Amino acid sequence: GLSVMEAAREGAVSRFRPVLMTSLTTILGILPLALATGAGAESRVSMGVTVVGGMFFATFLTLFVVPSVYSYLAGKKKAETISNEQPKA
C-alpha cells in the first residue's frame, strides 16, 4: 500500500470537495437563521450563529487537523515499532 503520509494526503485530497460542499450548503442553509430579524429573533440568531460557527470549526478540523494528527500519530507509532525491532546490545 501507500505510506502513511501518501495515504493521508490522498485521503484529504479526495474528500476535500465533498466535505467542503456539504459544509457550505449547511452553512448557507442556516445563514437566514443567523441573520433573522423580527419578533423572537434573539433566540434564533444565537442558535444560527452557534451552528454556523460550529460548522466552520468542524470543517476546519475535518479538512486540516484530523489528517495532520493522523499522520503524526502514525509516524510516531512507526518509529516506536522500528526502535523495538532493533536488537539491543
PDB file of N, CA and C in Angstrom:
ATOM      1  N   GLY A   1       0.802  -1.179   0.000  1.00  0.00           N
ATOM      2  CA  GLY A   1       0.000   0.000   0.000  1.00  0.00           C
ATOM      3  C   GLY A   1       0.857   1.260   0.000  1.00  0.00           C
ATOM      4  N   LEU A   2       0.211   2.328   0.297  1.00  0.00           N
ATOM      5  CA  LEU A   2       0.854   3.639   0.339  1.00  0.00           C
ATOM      6  C   LEU A   2       1.486   3.877   1.701  1.00  0.00           C
ATOM      7  N   SER A   3       2.430   4.793   1.733  1.00  0.00           N
ATOM      8  CA  SER A   3       2.980   5.202   3.023  1.00  0.00           C
ATOM      9  C   SER A   3       1.913   5.999   3.772  1.00  0.00           C
ATOM     10  N   VAL A   4       2.142   6.205   5.046  1.00  0.00           N
ATOM     11  CA  VAL A   4       1.162   6.915   5.871  1.00  0.00           C
ATOM     12  C   VAL A   4       0.943   8.328   5.345  1.00  0.00           C
ATOM     13  N   MET A   5       2.006   9.025   5.021  1.00  0.00           N
ATOM     14  CA  MET A   5       1.881  10.398   4.528  1.00  0.00           C
ATOM     15  C   MET A   5       1.138  10.442   3.191  1.00  0.00           C
ATOM     16  N   GLU A   6       1.464   9.514   2.297  1.00  0.00           N
ATOM     17  CA  GLU A   6       0.792   9.483   0.998  1.00  0.00           C
ATOM     18  C   GLU A   6      -0.689   9.145   1.152  1.00  0.00           C
ATOM     19  N   ALA A   7      -1.009   8.196   2.042  1.00  0.00           N
ATOM     20  CA  ALA A   7      -2.408   7.816   2.264  1.00  0.00           C
ATOM     21  C   ALA A   7      -3.197   8.971   2.872  1.00  0.00           C
ATOM     22  N   ALA A   8      -2.604   9.673   3.841  1.00  0.00           N
ATOM     23  CA  ALA A   8      -3.289  10.815   4.459  1.00  0.00           C
ATOM     24  C   ALA A   8      -3.495  11.929   3.438  1.00  0.00           C
ATOM     25  N   ARG A   9      -2.487  12.176   2.625  1.00  0.00           N
ATOM     26  CA  ARG A   9      -2.600  13.218   1.602  1.00  0.00           C
ATOM     27  C   ARG A   9      -3.655  12.854   0.566  1.00  0.00           C
ATOM     28  N   GLU A  10      -3.618  11.615   0.087  1.00  0.00           N
ATOM     29  CA  GLU A  10      -4.587  11.182  -0.920  1.00  0.00           C
ATOM     30  C   GLU A  10      -6.015  11.206  -0.362  1.00  0.00           C
ATOM     31  N   GLY A  11      -6.175  10.779   0.879  1.00  0.00           N
ATOM     32  CA  GLY A  11      -7.495  10.815   1.507  1.00  0.00           C
ATOM     33  C   GLY A  11      -8.005  12.231   1.680  1.00  0.00           C
ATOM     34  N   ALA A  12      -7.119  13.128   2.101  1.00  0.00           N
ATOM     35  CA  ALA A  12      -7.518  14.527   2.291  1.00  0.00           C
ATOM     36  C   ALA A  12      -7.901  15.171   0.962  1.00  0.00           C
ATOM     37  N   VAL A  13      -7.143  14.885  -0.074  1.00  0.00           N
ATOM     38  CA  VAL A  13      -7.430  15.465  -1.389  1.00  0.00           C
ATOM     39  C   VAL A  13      -8.740  14.910  -1.953  1.00  0.00           C
ATOM     40  N   SER A  14      -8.956  13.608  -1.813  1.00  0.00           N
ATOM     41  CA  SER A  14     -10.163  13.009  -2.397  1.00  0.00           C
ATOM     42  C   SER A  14     -11.433  13.407  -1.652  1.00  0.00           C
ATOM     43  N   ARG A  15     -11.345  13.730  -0.374  1.00  0.00           N
ATOM     44  CA  ARG A  15     -12.519  14.096   0.422  1.00  0.00           C
ATOM     45  C   ARG A  15     -12.694  15.601   0.575  1.00  0.00           C
ATOM     46  N   PHE A  16     -11.758  16.400   0.083  1.00  0.00           N
ATOM     47  CA  PHE A  16     -11.819  17.846   0.278  1.00  0.00           C
ATOM     48  C   PHE A  16     -13.097  18.455  -0.297  1.00  0.00           C
ATOM     49  N   ARG A  17     -13.356  18.203  -1.556  1.00  0.00           N
ATOM     50  CA  ARG A  17     -14.520  18.821  -2.205  1.00  0.00           C
ATOM     51  C   ARG A  17     -15.848  18.349  -1.607  1.00  0.00           C
ATOM     52  N   PRO A  18     -16.068  17.033  -1.414  1.00  0.00           N
ATOM     53  CA  PRO A  18     -17.350  16.617  -0.824  1.00  0.00           C
ATOM     54  C   PRO A  18     -17.591  17.186   0.575  1.00  0.00           C
ATOM     55  N   VAL A  19     -16.560  17.204   1.406  1.00  0.00           N
ATOM     56  CA  VAL A  19     -16.720  17.747   2.762  1.00  0.00           C
ATOM     57  C   VAL A  19     -17.003  19.241   2.695  1.00  0.00           C
ATOM     58  N   LEU A  20     -16.268  19.950   1.862  1.00  0.00           N
ATOM     59  CA  LEU A  20     -16.455  21.394   1.738  1.00  0.00           C
ATOM     60  C   LEU A  20     -17.838  21.736   1.182  1.00  0.00           C
ATOM     61  N   MET A  21     -18.294  21.013   0.178  1.00  0.00           N
ATOM     62  CA  MET A  21     -19.614  21.281  -0.404  1.00  0.00           C
ATOM     63  C   MET A  21     -20.729  21.009   0.602  1.00  0.00           C
ATOM     64  N   THR A  22     -20.621  19.926   1.344  1.00  0.00           N
ATOM     65  CA  THR A  22     -21.636  19.602   2.347  1.00  0.00           C
ATOM     66  C   THR A  22     -21.672  20.655   3.440  1.00  0.00           C
ATOM     67  N   SER A  23     -20.501  21.042   3.904  1.00  0.00           N
ATOM     68  CA  SER A  23     -20.432  22.047   4.968  1.00  0.00           C
ATOM     69  C   SER A  23     -20.966  23.392   4.497  1.00  0.00           C
ATOM     70  N   LEU A  24     -20.590  23.795   3.300  1.00  0.00           N
ATOM     71  CA  LEU A  24     -21.052  25.087   2.787  1.00  0.00           C
ATOM     72  C   LEU A  24     -22.560  25.117   2.566  1.00  0.00           C
ATOM     73  N   THR A  25     -23.137  24.020   2.091  1.00  0.00           N
ATOM     74  CA  THR A  25     -24.588  24.016   1.916  1.00  0.00           C
ATOM     75  C   THR A  25     -25.302  24.081   3.261  1.00  0.00           C
ATOM     76  N   THR A  26     -24.748  23.420   4.268  1.00  0.00           N
ATOM     77  CA  THR A  26     -25.343  23.507   5.605  1.00  0.00           C
ATOM     78  C   THR A  26     -25.232  24.922   6.149  1.00  0.00           C
ATOM     79  N   ILE A  27     -24.062  25.521   6.001  1.00  0.00           N
ATOM     80  CA  ILE A  27     -23.854  26.889   6.491  1.00  0.00           C
ATOM     81  C   ILE A  27     -24.780  27.864   5.766  1.00  0.00           C
ATOM     82  N   LEU A  28     -24.867  27.742   4.451  1.00  0.00           N
ATOM     83  CA  LEU A  28     -25.742  28.643   3.688  1.00  0.00           C
ATOM     84  C   LEU A  28     -27.213  28.418   4.023  1.00  0.00           C
ATOM     85  N   GLY A  29     -27.575  27.196   4.360  1.00  0.00           N
ATOM     86  CA  GLY A  29     -28.950  26.919   4.749  1.00  0.00           C
ATOM     87  C   GLY A  29     -29.306  27.497   6.107  1.00  0.00           C
ATOM     88  N   ILE A  30     -28.332  27.572   6.998  1.00  0.00           N
ATOM     89  CA  ILE A  30     -28.557  28.089   8.352  1.00  0.00           C
ATOM     90  C   ILE A  30     -28.374  29.608   8.403  1.00  0.00           C
ATOM     91  N   LEU A  31     -27.729  30.187   7.408  1.00  0.00           N
ATOM     92  CA  LEU A  31     -27.453  31.624   7.415  1.00  0.00           C
ATOM     93  C   LEU A  31     -28.697  32.496   7.603  1.00  0.00           C
ATOM     94  N   PRO A  32     -29.829  32.207   6.979  1.00  0.00           N
ATOM     95  CA  PRO A  32     -31.014  33.027   7.253  1.00  0.00           C
ATOM     96  C   PRO A  32     -31.425  32.994   8.727  1.00  0.00           C
ATOM     97  N   LEU A  33     -31.201  31.869   9.378  1.00  0.00           N
ATOM     98  CA  LEU A  33     -31.499  31.773  10.804  1.00  0.00           C
ATOM     99  C   LEU A  33     -30.568  32.682  11.602  1.00  0.00           C
ATOM    100  N   ALA A  34     -29.302  32.737  11.200  1.00  0.00           N
ATOM    101  CA  ALA A  34     -28.328  33.569  11.906  1.00  0.00           C
ATOM    102  C   ALA A  34     -28.556  35.056  11.650  1.00  0.00           C
ATOM    103  N   LEU A  35     -29.171  35.389  10.537  1.00  0.00           N
ATOM    104  CA  LEU A  35     -29.395  36.790  10.182  1.00  0.00           C
ATOM    105  C   LEU A  35     -30.847  37.217  10.376  1.00  0.00           C
ATOM    106  N   ALA A  36     -31.604  36.440  11.135  1.00  0.00           N
ATOM    107  CA  ALA A  36     -33.039  36.697  11.313  1.00  0.00           C
ATOM    108  C   ALA A  36     -33.287  38.030  12.014  1.00  0.00           C
ATOM    109  N   THR A  37     -34.408  38.634  11.673  1.00  0.00           N
ATOM    110  CA  THR A  37     -34.866  39.854  12.335  1.00  0.00           C
ATOM    111  C   THR A  37     -36.330  39.666  12.689  1.00  0.00           C
ATOM    112  N   GLY A  38     -36.834  40.541  13.520  1.00  0.00           N
ATOM    113  CA  GLY A  38     -38.251  40.488  13.859  1.00  0.00           C
ATOM    114  C   GLY A  38     -38.492  39.896  15.234  1.00  0.00           C
ATOM    115  N   ALA A  39     -39.750  39.569  15.479  1.00  0.00           N
ATOM    116  CA  ALA A  39     -40.152  39.060  16.787  1.00  0.00           C
ATOM    117  C   ALA A  39     -39.521  37.694  17.056  1.00  0.00           C
ATOM    118  N   GLY A  40     -38.910  37.556  18.206  1.00  0.00           N
ATOM    119  CA  GLY A  40     -38.292  36.291  18.602  1.00  0.00           C
ATOM    120  C   GLY A  40     -36.971  36.005  17.927  1.00  0.00           C
ATOM    121  N   ALA A  41     -36.403  36.997  17.260  1.00  0.00           N
ATOM    122  CA  ALA A  41     -35.164  36.782  16.510  1.00  0.00           C
ATOM    123  C   ALA A  41     -33.969  36.549  17.423  1.00  0.00           C
ATOM    124  N   GLU A  42     -34.036  37.021  18.663  1.00  0.00           N
ATOM    125  CA  GLU A  42     -32.881  36.895  19.555  1.00  0.00           C
ATOM    126  C   GLU A  42     -32.487  35.430  19.745  1.00  0.00           C
ATOM    127  N   SER A  43     -33.452  34.584  19.987  1.00  0.00           N
ATOM    128  CA  SER A  43     -33.139  33.168  20.204  1.00  0.00           C
ATOM    129  C   SER A  43     -32.722  32.484  18.907  1.00  0.00           C
ATOM    130  N   ARG A  44     -33.332  32.849  17.802  1.00  0.00           N
ATOM    131  CA  ARG A  44     -32.965  32.238  16.522  1.00  0.00           C
ATOM    132  C   ARG A  44     -31.573  32.666  16.082  1.00  0.00           C
ATOM    133  N   VAL A  45     -31.246  33.932  16.293  1.00  0.00           N
ATOM    134  CA  VAL A  45     -29.928  34.426  15.888  1.00  0.00           C
ATOM    135  C   VAL A  45     -28.834  33.721  16.673  1.00  0.00           C
ATOM    136  N   SER A  46     -29.010  33.583  17.978  1.00  0.00           N
ATOM    137  CA  SER A  46     -27.969  32.931  18.778  1.00  0.00           C
ATOM    138  C   SER A  46     -27.798  31.472  18.366  1.00  0.00           C
ATOM    139  N   MET A  47     -28.894  30.792  18.068  1.00  0.00           N
ATOM    140  CA  MET A  47     -28.799  29.408  17.622  1.00  0.00           C
ATOM    141  C   MET A  47     -28.135  29.332  16.243  1.00  0.00           C
ATOM    142  N   GLY A  48     -28.501  30.221  15.332  1.00  0.00           N
ATOM    143  CA  GLY A  48     -27.919  30.219  13.994  1.00  0.00           C
ATOM    144  C   GLY A  48     -26.435  30.517  14.005  1.00  0.00           C
ATOM    145  N   VAL A  49     -26.035  31.499  14.810  1.00  0.00           N
ATOM    146  CA  VAL A  49     -24.611  31.842  14.905  1.00  0.00           C
ATOM    147  C   VAL A  49     -23.825  30.668  15.483  1.00  0.00           C
ATOM    148  N   THR A  50     -24.389  29.993  16.462  1.00  0.00           N
ATOM    149  CA  THR A  50     -23.717  28.841  17.068  1.00  0.00           C
ATOM    150  C   THR A  50     -23.533  27.714  16.058  1.00  0.00           C
ATOM    151  N   VAL A  51     -24.564  27.429  15.294  1.00  0.00           N
ATOM    152  CA  VAL A  51     -24.477  26.355  14.302  1.00  0.00           C
ATOM    153  C   VAL A  51     -23.484  26.715  13.199  1.00  0.00           C
ATOM    154  N   VAL A  52     -23.536  27.939  12.708  1.00  0.00           N
ATOM    155  CA  VAL A  52     -22.607  28.363  11.651  1.00  0.00           C
ATOM    156  C   VAL A  52     -21.164  28.317  12.159  1.00  0.00           C
ATOM    157  N   GLY A  53     -20.922  28.823  13.358  1.00  0.00           N
ATOM    158  CA  GLY A  53     -19.573  28.776  13.927  1.00  0.00           C
ATOM    159  C   GLY A  53     -19.093  27.352  14.135  1.00  0.00           C
ATOM    160  N   GLY A  54     -19.978  26.500  14.611  1.00  0.00           N
ATOM    161  CA  GLY A  54     -19.622  25.095  14.797  1.00  0.00           C
ATOM    162  C   GLY A  54     -19.304  24.401  13.494  1.00  0.00           C
ATOM    163  N   MET A  55     -20.049  24.720  12.455  1.00  0.00           N
ATOM    164  CA  MET A  55     -19.785  24.115  11.151  1.00  0.00           C
ATOM    165  C   MET A  55     -18.444  24.574  10.580  1.00  0.00           C
ATOM    166  N   PHE A  56     -18.133  25.870  10.725  1.00  0.00           N
ATOM    167  CA  PHE A  56     -16.822  26.350  10.277  1.00  0.00           C
ATOM    168  C   PHE A  56     -15.704  25.630  11.024  1.00  0.00           C
ATOM    169  N   PHE A  57     -15.843  25.525  12.333  1.00  0.00           N
ATOM    170  CA  PHE A  57     -14.820  24.883  13.154  1.00  0.00           C
ATOM    171  C   PHE A  57     -14.691  23.395  12.815  1.00  0.00           C
ATOM    172  N   ALA A  58     -15.816  22.705  12.682  1.00  0.00           N
ATOM    173  CA  ALA A  58     -15.790  21.275  12.368  1.00  0.00           C
ATOM    174  C   ALA A  58     -15.214  21.017  10.978  1.00  0.00           C
ATOM    175  N   THR A  59     -15.515  21.890  10.035  1.00  0.00           N
ATOM    176  CA  THR A  59     -14.967  21.746   8.690  1.00  0.00           C
ATOM    177  C   THR A  59     -13.456  21.914   8.708  1.00  0.00           C
ATOM    178  N   PHE A  60     -12.977  22.909   9.436  1.00  0.00           N
ATOM    179  CA  PHE A  60     -11.535  23.118   9.570  1.00  0.00           C
ATOM    180  C   PHE A  60     -10.872  21.889  10.188  1.00  0.00           C
ATOM    181  N   LEU A  61     -11.463  21.364  11.259  1.00  0.00           N
ATOM    182  CA  LEU A  61     -10.904  20.172  11.903  1.00  0.00           C
ATOM    183  C   LEU A  61     -10.876  18.992  10.941  1.00  0.00           C
ATOM    184  N   THR A  62     -11.963  18.779  10.230  1.00  0.00           N
ATOM    185  CA  THR A  62     -12.073  17.636   9.329  1.00  0.00           C
ATOM    186  C   THR A  62     -11.075  17.712   8.181  1.00  0.00           C
ATOM    187  N   LEU A  63     -10.887  18.892   7.632  1.00  0.00           N
ATOM    188  CA  LEU A  63     -10.047  19.020   6.442  1.00  0.00           C
ATOM    189  C   LEU A  63      -8.562  19.148   6.742  1.00  0.00           C
ATOM    190  N   PHE A  64      -8.208  19.727   7.879  1.00  0.00           N
ATOM    191  CA  PHE A  64      -6.804  20.014   8.128  1.00  0.00           C
ATOM    192  C   PHE A  64      -6.236  19.341   9.375  1.00  0.00           C
ATOM    193  N   VAL A  65      -6.931  19.398  10.476  1.00  0.00           N
ATOM    194  CA  VAL A  65      -6.373  18.910  11.740  1.00  0.00           C
ATOM    195  C   VAL A  65      -6.357  17.386  11.803  1.00  0.00           C
ATOM    196  N   VAL A  66      -7.458  16.738  11.444  1.00  0.00           N
ATOM    197  CA  VAL A  66      -7.534  15.278  11.547  1.00  0.00           C
ATOM    198  C   VAL A  66      -6.473  14.589  10.683  1.00  0.00           C
ATOM    199  N   PRO A  67      -6.299  14.946   9.399  1.00  0.00           N
ATOM    200  CA  PRO A  67      -5.232  14.291   8.626  1.00  0.00           C
ATOM    201  C   PRO A  67      -3.834  14.559   9.193  1.00  0.00           C
ATOM    202  N   SER A  68      -3.607  15.760   9.710  1.00  0.00           N
ATOM    203  CA  SER A  68      -2.301  16.086  10.280  1.00  0.00           C
ATOM    204  C   SER A  68      -2.024  15.267  11.535  1.00  0.00           C
ATOM    205  N   VAL A  69      -2.995  15.186  12.414  1.00  0.00           N
ATOM    206  CA  VAL A  69      -2.823  14.415  13.654  1.00  0.00           C
ATOM    207  C   VAL A  69      -2.657  12.934  13.327  1.00  0.00           C
ATOM    208  N   TYR A  70      -3.428  12.432  12.378  1.00  0.00           N
ATOM    209  CA  TYR A  70      -3.304  11.034  11.977  1.00  0.00           C
ATOM    210  C   TYR A  70      -1.897  10.745  11.455  1.00  0.00           C
ATOM    211  N   SER A  71      -1.383  11.606  10.593  1.00  0.00           N
ATOM    212  CA  SER A  71      -0.036  11.413  10.054  1.00  0.00           C
ATOM    213  C   SER A  71       1.003  11.446  11.159  1.00  0.00           C
ATOM    214  N   TYR A  72       0.852  12.376  12.089  1.00  0.00           N
ATOM    215  CA  TYR A  72       1.793  12.491  13.201  1.00  0.00           C
ATOM    216  C   TYR A  72       1.774  11.232  14.064  1.00  0.00           C
ATOM    217  N   LEU A  73       0.591  10.778  14.447  1.00  0.00           N
ATOM    218  CA  LEU A  73       0.493   9.606  15.318  1.00  0.00           C
ATOM    219  C   LEU A  73       0.952   8.334  14.618  1.00  0.00           C
ATOM    220  N   ALA A  74       0.638   8.190  13.339  1.00  0.00           N
ATOM    221  CA  ALA A  74       1.070   7.011  12.596  1.00  0.00           C
ATOM    222  C   ALA A  74       2.585   7.001  12.441  1.00  0.00           C
ATOM    223  N   GLY A  75       3.183   8.163  12.197  1.00  0.00           N
ATOM    224  CA  GLY A  75       4.639   8.247  12.100  1.00  0.00           C
ATOM    225  C   GLY A  75       5.309   7.944  13.423  1.00  0.00           C
ATOM    226  N   LYS A  76       4.712   8.399  14.503  1.00  0.00           N
ATOM    227  CA  LYS A  76       5.253   8.130  15.837  1.00  0.00           C
ATOM    228  C   LYS A  76       5.175   6.636  16.155  1.00  0.00           C
ATOM    229  N   LYS A  77       4.071   6.003  15.802  1.00  0.00           N
ATOM    230  CA  LYS A  77       3.910   4.570  16.047  1.00  0.00           C
ATOM    231  C   LYS A  77       4.913   3.773  15.218  1.00  0.00           C
ATOM    232  N   LYS A  78       5.136   4.204  13.973  1.00  0.00           N
ATOM    233  CA  LYS A  78       6.091   3.513  13.114  1.00  0.00           C
ATOM    234  C   LYS A  78       7.503   3.632  13.684  1.00  0.00           C
ATOM    235  N   ALA A  79       7.848   4.808  14.206  1.00  0.00           N
ATOM    236  CA  ALA A  79       9.171   4.997  14.803  1.00  0.00           C
ATOM    237  C   ALA A  79       9.340   4.113  16.032  1.00  0.00           C
ATOM    238  N   GLU A  80       8.295   3.974  16.847  1.00  0.00           N
ATOM    239  CA  GLU A  80       8.367   3.100  18.020  1.00  0.00           C
ATOM    240  C   GLU A  80       8.530   1.646  17.601  1.00  0.00           C
ATOM    241  N   THR A  81       7.843   1.234  16.549  1.00  0.00           N
ATOM    242  CA  THR A  81       7.940  -0.139  16.060  1.00  0.00           C
ATOM    243  C   THR A  81       9.344  -0.427  15.567  1.00  0.00           C
ATOM    244  N   ILE A  82       9.926   0.504  14.846  1.00  0.00           N
ATOM    245  CA  ILE A  82      11.286   0.324  14.331  1.00  0.00           C
ATOM    246  C   ILE A  82      12.280   0.249  15.479  1.00  0.00           C
ATOM    247  N   SER A  83      12.129   1.106  16.482  1.00  0.00           N
ATOM    248  CA  SER A  83      13.071   1.089  17.604  1.00  0.00           C
ATOM    249  C   SER A  83      12.926  -0.186  18.428  1.00  0.00           C
ATOM    250  N   ASN A  84      11.740  -0.766  18.493  1.00  0.00           N
ATOM    251  CA  ASN A  84      11.545  -2.017  19.233  1.00  0.00           C
ATOM    252  C   ASN A  84      12.093  -3.217  18.485  1.00  0.00           C
ATOM    253  N   GLU A  85      12.189  -3.137  17.167  1.00  0.00           N
ATOM    254  CA  GLU A  85      12.698  -4.241  16.364  1.00  0.00           C
ATOM    255  C   GLU A  85      14.219  -4.296  16.363  1.00  0.00           C
ATOM    256  N   GLN A  86      14.894  -3.218  16.696  1.00  0.00           N
ATOM    257  CA  GLN A  86      16.348  -3.177  16.686  1.00  0.00           C
ATOM    258  C   GLN A  86      16.887  -4.022  17.836  1.00  0.00           C
ATOM    259  N   PRO A  87      17.873  -4.856  17.563  1.00  0.00           N
ATOM    260  CA  PRO A  87      18.447  -5.676  18.644  1.00  0.00           C
ATOM    261  C   PRO A  87      19.201  -4.795  19.637  1.00  0.00           C
ATOM    262  N   LYS A  88      19.083  -5.157  20.901  1.00  0.00           N
ATOM    263  CA  LYS A  88      19.773  -4.398  21.945  1.00  0.00           C
ATOM    264  C   LYS A  88      21.092  -5.075  22.269  1.00  0.00           C
ATOM    265  N   ALA A  89      22.122  -4.276  22.464  1.00  0.00           N
ATOM    266  CA  ALA A  89      23.455  -4.811  22.728  1.00  0.00           C
ATOM    267  C   ALA A  89      23.630  -5.200  24.173  1.00  0.00           C
TER     268      ALA A  89
END
